[in-house]
Amino acid sequence: MPVVDVHHHYFPPDLHQSKLQTNQEIGWSTPAGHLHWSPELSLKAMDELGIDTSILSYPAIPSGTICEENRQAARARNEFAFDICCKHPTRFGFFATLPFLDDIEGCLNEIAFALDDLNADGVSLASSYGHGQSAKYIGDDAYEPIWRELNRRGAVVFLHGTQTPSSTPYPHPFLGIPIIEVPNETFKAAAHLVITGRKRQCPNVKIILAHMGGTMGSMAARTAVLSNYMGCTLSPEEMLDDFKSFYFETALSAYGPALRAMEEFAKPGHLLWGSDFPAVSTESVAWFNKQLNEHYREDGDRLASVLYKNALHLFAKKGIMVGLTPNTKDALSTTEIVEYK
């Protein structure tokens, strides 16, 4: 059965040294050899895991300044990803990287270049930008022009939590920031978009939340009711409806009870498949894959929806080239190939 991976990172050569240092600070060990990433590394993993097409995204890094160097770095990353897609058009798409988000003009220019000239499949965003007390979550009023442009374009956004430390040290070497903090950063960003009304103001933007929305399942209702109590003008029901309108991908999250909860929570067609490779090992991805297949053992149609059909619907406007690989052609009807390719 075809598989579309909407959560698949690329590590350009300039990221290697900084990633090594960051790993020591956040309590994580990138699998051996993965920091020296290449398209061939991903293609090998994709073939092993049965992935037809992966949408590449740069890791969620919130640091930066408003400067020409930052703009050039974003441009170089997008051209790097675009070149990979040109060489492997049926295997890769990519989400565009933007400059530091406070650089509104630079971001708007890069959105236009990436979507119009490079045919990016969407835009990737971190949950917040800046550090400490100066950090801003992505629903901030300062970023309204960016959201307005993404809404005008009906863009797809991939939203990934940042590796932001909490006010206390992470509790154990086996419980580093990527394991216990990043998913909650994703939810905090989603909640910020909802309670500020940004999600409701930009209904044409399709936002994919990494890791099945992090703590969304247990926190959405609590947030809706208590935010309303604290003065949010949206009703709990309106906020819950907005929470349910996100898209959710399964990377490192596809486990029976969690899948059942998300199926009950999310709107139909809003559950997608993701791996988080190369940040994690193929063995970790395979473990969650096994759980996903076991969960849908008696329901092949719903499994197909999560693995690829929902993604094809979501990316139909951009013409993602899934449907051109042999595995996908065998599984799609002629009608589906015509509609999605």
Protein backbone atom coordinates (compact mmCIF):
# COMPACT_ATOMS: atom_id res chain seq x y z
CA MET A 1 0.00 0.00 0.00
CA PRO A 2 1.39 3.48 -0.83
CA VAL A 3 2.75 5.70 1.94
CA VAL A 4 3.17 9.49 1.99
CA ASP A 5 5.43 10.76 4.77
CA VAL A 6 4.58 14.36 5.72
CA HIS A 7 7.15 14.54 8.54
CA HIS A 8 10.59 13.87 7.10
CA HIS A 9 13.50 16.18 7.84
CA TYR A 10 16.57 17.06 5.84
CA PHE A 11 19.86 18.11 7.42
CA PRO A 12 21.92 20.36 5.11
CA PRO A 13 25.73 20.22 5.58
CA ASP A 14 25.87 23.50 7.53
CA LEU A 15 23.65 22.04 10.28
CA HIS A 16 26.01 19.25 11.34
CA GLN A 17 28.18 21.00 13.90
CA SER A 18 25.43 23.04 15.53
CA LYS A 19 23.23 19.93 15.78
CA LEU A 20 26.00 18.05 17.59
CA GLN A 21 26.22 20.83 20.18
CA THR A 22 22.45 21.17 20.51
CA ASN A 23 22.06 17.43 21.08
CA GLN A 24 24.29 17.66 24.14
CA GLU A 25 22.21 20.51 25.55
CA ILE A 26 18.77 19.01 24.98
CA GLY A 27 19.42 15.38 25.89
CA TRP A 28 19.16 13.66 22.54
CA SER A 29 21.33 11.44 20.37
CA THR A 30 20.64 11.60 16.64
CA PRO A 31 21.13 8.09 15.18
CA ALA A 32 24.68 7.35 14.08
CA GLY A 33 25.39 8.65 10.59
CA HIS A 34 22.17 10.63 10.26
CA LEU A 35 23.71 14.04 10.89
CA HIS A 36 25.75 13.53 7.72
CA TRP A 37 22.43 13.37 5.89
CA SER A 38 22.04 12.81 2.17
CA PRO A 39 19.02 12.10 -0.04
CA GLU A 40 20.42 8.60 -0.48
CA LEU A 41 20.20 8.01 3.28
CA SER A 42 16.50 8.90 3.21
CA LEU A 43 15.83 6.93 0.04
CA LYS A 44 17.37 3.82 1.60
CA ALA A 45 15.23 4.23 4.71
CA MET A 46 12.13 4.97 2.64
CA ASP A 47 12.63 1.78 0.63
CA GLU A 48 13.12 -0.24 3.83
CA LEU A 49 10.00 1.25 5.41
CA GLY A 50 7.81 1.18 2.29
CA ILE A 51 7.54 4.97 1.96
CA ASP A 52 6.75 6.17 -1.56
CA THR A 53 7.05 9.94 -1.12
CA SER A 54 8.37 12.16 1.67
CA ILE A 55 7.75 15.87 2.17
CA LEU A 56 11.06 17.28 3.40
CA SER A 57 11.21 19.95 6.10
CA TYR A 58 14.05 21.75 7.85
CA PRO A 59 14.14 21.20 11.64
CA ALA A 60 12.15 23.65 13.77
CA ILE A 61 14.79 26.17 14.85
CA PRO A 62 13.46 29.33 16.56
CA SER A 63 16.65 31.39 16.69
CA GLY A 64 17.67 34.13 14.31
CA THR A 65 17.72 37.86 13.66
CA ILE A 66 16.36 40.22 11.03
CA CYS A 67 19.28 40.40 8.64
CA GLU A 68 20.28 39.64 5.07
CA GLU A 69 22.33 36.65 6.19
CA ASN A 70 19.23 35.03 7.69
CA ARG A 71 17.28 35.62 4.48
CA GLN A 72 20.09 34.10 2.44
CA ALA A 73 20.20 31.05 4.71
CA ALA A 74 16.47 30.40 4.21
CA ARG A 75 16.86 30.85 0.45
CA ALA A 76 19.79 28.43 0.36
CA ARG A 77 17.85 25.79 2.29
CA ASN A 78 14.88 26.07 -0.02
CA GLU A 79 17.04 25.83 -3.12
CA PHE A 80 18.83 22.85 -1.55
CA ALA A 81 15.51 21.06 -0.99
CA PHE A 82 14.23 22.06 -4.42
CA ASP A 83 17.30 20.57 -6.07
CA ILE A 84 16.69 17.27 -4.29
CA CYS A 85 13.08 17.26 -5.47
CA CYS A 86 14.15 17.95 -9.05
CA LYS A 87 16.48 14.96 -8.96
CA HIS A 88 13.86 12.69 -7.35
CA PRO A 89 10.50 14.16 -8.37
CA THR A 90 8.36 11.18 -7.40
CA ARG A 91 10.11 10.55 -4.07
CA PHE A 92 10.37 14.00 -2.48
CA GLY A 93 8.42 17.20 -2.02
CA PHE A 94 9.32 19.93 0.46
CA PHE A 95 7.96 22.46 2.90
CA ALA A 96 9.63 25.84 2.51
CA THR A 97 11.79 27.30 5.27
CA LEU A 98 11.23 30.97 6.13
CA PRO A 99 13.67 33.53 7.54
CA PHE A 100 13.41 34.43 11.22
CA LEU A 101 9.70 35.12 11.51
CA ASP A 102 10.09 38.64 12.92
CA ASP A 103 11.41 39.58 9.45
CA ILE A 104 7.95 40.05 7.95
CA GLU A 105 9.15 41.43 4.62
CA GLY A 106 11.73 38.67 4.26
CA CYS A 107 9.16 36.00 5.08
CA LEU A 108 6.61 37.33 2.59
CA ASN A 109 9.26 37.44 -0.12
CA GLU A 110 10.36 33.89 0.62
CA ILE A 111 6.79 32.60 0.65
CA ALA A 112 6.29 34.01 -2.83
CA PHE A 113 9.59 32.65 -4.13
CA ALA A 114 9.21 29.19 -2.61
CA LEU A 115 5.57 28.63 -3.57
CA ASP A 116 5.61 30.35 -6.96
CA ASP A 117 9.11 29.67 -8.30
CA LEU A 118 10.12 26.47 -6.50
CA ASN A 119 6.62 24.92 -6.29
CA ALA A 120 7.04 24.05 -2.61
CA ASP A 121 4.27 21.93 -1.16
CA GLY A 122 3.77 24.32 1.73
CA VAL A 123 5.64 26.11 4.50
CA SER A 124 7.18 24.77 7.71
CA LEU A 125 6.93 26.81 10.90
CA ALA A 126 8.31 26.43 14.39
CA SER A 127 6.01 26.80 17.39
CA SER A 128 7.72 30.01 18.55
CA TYR A 129 10.50 32.37 17.53
CA GLY A 130 13.08 34.01 19.75
CA HIS A 131 14.32 32.98 23.18
CA GLY A 132 13.34 33.62 26.78
CA GLN A 133 11.10 36.58 27.50
CA SER A 134 11.45 37.89 23.94
CA ALA A 135 10.05 34.72 22.35
CA LYS A 136 6.74 34.96 20.52
CA TYR A 137 4.37 32.12 19.64
CA ILE A 138 3.17 32.00 16.07
CA GLY A 139 -0.29 33.39 16.68
CA ASP A 140 1.24 36.70 17.79
CA ASP A 141 -0.19 39.84 16.19
CA ALA A 142 3.27 40.64 14.80
CA TYR A 143 2.93 37.65 12.46
CA GLU A 144 -0.54 38.54 11.19
CA PRO A 145 0.71 39.64 7.71
CA ILE A 146 2.33 36.23 7.25
CA TRP A 147 -0.84 34.38 8.19
CA ARG A 148 -2.90 36.67 5.97
CA GLU A 149 -0.70 35.79 2.98
CA LEU A 150 -0.75 32.08 3.74
CA ASN A 151 -4.53 32.25 4.02
CA ARG A 152 -4.81 34.10 0.69
CA ARG A 153 -2.83 31.33 -0.93
CA GLY A 154 -4.66 28.47 0.79
CA ALA A 155 -1.25 27.17 1.85
CA VAL A 156 -0.38 24.02 3.76
CA VAL A 157 1.67 24.67 6.91
CA PHE A 158 3.68 22.04 8.79
CA LEU A 159 3.92 23.12 12.44
CA HIS A 160 6.60 21.52 14.61
CA GLY A 161 7.35 22.22 18.27
CA THR A 162 10.69 23.79 19.17
CA GLN A 163 13.25 22.28 21.52
CA THR A 164 12.47 24.81 24.22
CA PRO A 165 13.64 23.87 27.72
CA SER A 166 11.23 24.13 30.60
CA SER A 167 11.91 26.20 33.71
CA THR A 168 13.43 23.12 35.35
CA PRO A 169 16.06 20.72 33.97
CA TYR A 170 14.75 17.73 32.08
CA PRO A 171 14.24 15.03 34.71
CA HIS A 172 16.45 12.20 33.44
CA PRO A 173 18.96 11.46 30.67
CA PHE A 174 16.30 9.21 29.11
CA LEU A 175 13.74 12.03 29.18
CA GLY A 176 15.38 14.77 27.13
CA ILE A 177 13.64 17.80 25.67
CA PRO A 178 12.75 16.19 22.31
CA ILE A 179 10.97 13.39 24.15
CA ILE A 180 8.88 15.28 26.70
CA GLU A 181 8.93 18.99 25.80
CA VAL A 182 8.69 19.23 22.00
CA PRO A 183 5.20 17.68 21.73
CA ASN A 184 3.84 20.11 24.30
CA GLU A 185 5.39 23.04 22.41
CA THR A 186 3.40 21.94 19.38
CA PHE A 187 0.20 21.99 21.41
CA LYS A 188 1.03 25.38 22.95
CA ALA A 189 1.45 26.88 19.48
CA ALA A 190 -1.82 25.33 18.30
CA ALA A 191 -3.60 26.63 21.40
CA HIS A 192 -2.16 30.11 20.80
CA LEU A 193 -3.51 30.09 17.25
CA VAL A 194 -6.93 29.08 18.55
CA ILE A 195 -7.37 31.42 21.53
CA THR A 196 -6.05 34.47 19.62
CA GLY A 197 -8.59 33.77 16.90
CA ARG A 198 -5.84 33.38 14.29
CA LYS A 199 -6.96 29.88 13.35
CA ARG A 200 -10.52 31.08 12.80
CA GLN A 201 -9.36 34.16 10.87
CA CYS A 202 -7.35 32.00 8.44
CA PRO A 203 -9.65 29.13 7.50
CA ASN A 204 -7.91 28.54 4.17
CA VAL A 205 -4.59 27.59 5.79
CA LYS A 206 -4.30 23.84 6.33
CA ILE A 207 -2.09 23.35 9.38
CA ILE A 208 -0.49 19.95 10.04
CA LEU A 209 0.50 19.46 13.68
CA ALA A 210 3.55 17.27 14.26
CA HIS A 211 3.35 14.21 16.50
CA MET A 212 -0.46 14.07 16.41
CA GLY A 213 -0.72 17.48 18.05
CA GLY A 214 1.43 16.56 21.05
CA THR A 215 -0.72 16.86 24.17
CA MET A 216 -3.79 17.98 22.19
CA GLY A 217 -5.96 14.99 23.11
CA SER A 218 -5.88 15.61 26.83
CA MET A 219 -5.47 19.41 26.84
CA ALA A 220 -7.91 20.77 24.21
CA ALA A 221 -11.10 20.72 26.29
CA ARG A 222 -9.31 21.97 29.42
CA THR A 223 -7.79 24.83 27.41
CA ALA A 224 -11.09 25.74 25.77
CA VAL A 225 -13.07 25.92 29.00
CA LEU A 226 -10.44 27.64 31.15
CA SER A 227 -9.34 30.10 28.44
CA ASN A 228 -12.96 31.14 28.09
CA TYR A 229 -13.13 31.58 31.87
CA MET A 230 -10.03 33.78 31.70
CA GLY A 231 -11.62 36.06 29.13
CA CYS A 232 -11.25 34.54 25.66
CA THR A 233 -14.28 35.74 23.69
CA LEU A 234 -14.61 32.45 21.82
CA SER A 235 -16.90 29.91 23.43
CA PRO A 236 -15.50 26.53 24.52
CA GLU A 237 -17.41 24.93 21.68
CA GLU A 238 -15.94 27.34 19.11
CA MET A 239 -12.43 26.70 20.39
CA LEU A 240 -12.91 22.94 20.34
CA ASP A 241 -14.16 23.15 16.77
CA ASP A 242 -11.02 25.08 15.85
CA PHE A 243 -8.80 22.55 17.62
CA LYS A 244 -10.46 19.73 15.68
CA SER A 245 -9.86 21.49 12.35
CA PHE A 246 -6.08 20.99 12.45
CA TYR A 247 -4.46 18.12 10.57
CA PHE A 248 -2.52 15.60 12.64
CA GLU A 249 0.37 13.38 11.58
CA THR A 250 1.35 10.16 13.31
CA ALA A 251 5.16 10.41 13.74
CA LEU A 252 6.23 8.71 17.01
CA SER A 253 2.57 8.75 18.10
CA ALA A 254 0.78 5.92 16.28
CA TYR A 255 -0.26 3.75 19.22
CA GLY A 256 -3.68 2.14 19.56
CA PRO A 257 -5.19 4.18 22.43
CA ALA A 258 -3.78 7.43 21.03
CA LEU A 259 -5.09 6.63 17.56
CA ARG A 260 -8.56 5.85 18.91
CA ALA A 261 -8.62 9.16 20.77
CA MET A 262 -7.50 11.12 17.71
CA GLU A 263 -10.03 9.40 15.45
CA GLU A 264 -12.74 10.50 17.86
CA PHE A 265 -11.33 14.03 18.10
CA ALA A 266 -10.14 15.08 14.63
CA LYS A 267 -12.32 15.89 11.66
CA PRO A 268 -12.64 13.14 9.03
CA GLY A 269 -9.72 12.99 6.63
CA HIS A 270 -7.37 14.95 8.92
CA LEU A 271 -5.07 12.13 10.06
CA LEU A 272 -1.82 11.77 8.07
CA TRP A 273 1.26 9.56 8.26
CA GLY A 274 4.70 10.74 9.38
CA SER A 275 8.04 9.21 10.36
CA ASP A 276 10.33 11.94 11.82
CA PHE A 277 13.26 10.37 9.99
CA PRO A 278 16.25 11.05 10.07
CA ALA A 279 15.90 12.51 13.58
CA VAL A 280 15.02 8.99 14.74
CA SER A 281 16.07 5.50 13.71
CA THR A 282 14.29 3.27 11.20
CA GLU A 283 13.72 0.85 14.08
CA SER A 284 11.74 3.47 16.00
CA VAL A 285 9.68 4.29 12.92
CA ALA A 286 9.06 0.57 12.30
CA TRP A 287 7.80 0.09 15.87
CA PHE A 288 5.11 2.72 15.41
CA ASN A 289 4.35 1.41 11.95
CA LYS A 290 3.63 -1.98 13.45
CA GLN A 291 1.25 -0.40 15.96
CA LEU A 292 -0.54 1.51 13.19
CA ASN A 293 -1.00 -1.58 11.05
CA GLU A 294 -2.21 -3.59 14.03
CA HIS A 295 -4.72 -0.89 14.92
CA TYR A 296 -6.19 -0.90 11.41
CA ARG A 297 -5.83 -4.64 10.84
CA GLU A 298 -9.56 -5.04 10.21
CA ASP A 299 -10.06 -1.75 8.34
CA GLY A 300 -7.95 -1.44 5.22
CA ASP A 301 -9.86 1.58 3.96
CA ARG A 302 -9.05 3.65 7.04
CA LEU A 303 -5.44 2.49 6.94
CA ALA A 304 -5.18 3.62 3.31
CA SER A 305 -6.64 7.00 4.26
CA VAL A 306 -3.97 7.57 6.90
CA LEU A 307 -1.08 6.21 4.84
CA TYR A 308 -1.73 8.20 1.67
CA LYS A 309 -5.28 9.11 0.65
CA ASN A 310 -5.73 11.96 3.13
CA ALA A 311 -2.37 13.41 2.05
CA LEU A 312 -3.34 13.22 -1.60
CA HIS A 313 -6.51 15.18 -0.88
CA LEU A 314 -4.60 17.74 1.17
CA PHE A 315 -1.89 18.33 -1.44
CA ALA A 316 -4.09 17.97 -4.53
CA LYS A 317 -3.89 21.71 -5.27
CA LYS A 318 -0.09 21.59 -5.44
CA GLY A 319 -0.08 18.50 -7.64
CA ILE A 320 2.11 16.32 -5.43
CA MET A 321 3.52 13.62 -7.66
CA VAL A 322 2.43 10.66 -5.60
CA GLY A 323 0.74 8.28 -7.97
CA LEU A 324 3.72 8.10 -10.31
CA THR A 325 5.68 5.46 -8.39
CA PRO A 326 4.97 1.81 -9.23
CA ASN A 327 3.62 0.94 -5.77
CA THR A 328 1.20 3.84 -5.78
CA LYS A 329 0.00 3.28 -9.32
CA ASP A 330 -0.87 -0.29 -8.46
CA ALA A 331 -2.94 0.81 -5.49
CA LEU A 332 -4.74 3.83 -6.97
CA SER A 333 -7.68 3.65 -9.29
CA THR A 334 -7.43 5.47 -12.64
CA THR A 335 -9.80 8.13 -11.29
CA GLU A 336 -7.56 8.78 -8.28
CA ILE A 337 -4.40 9.05 -10.40
CA VAL A 338 -6.05 11.61 -12.67
CA GLU A 339 -7.40 13.60 -9.73
CA TYR A 340 -4.24 13.74 -7.63
CA LYS A 341 -1.19 13.66 -9.86
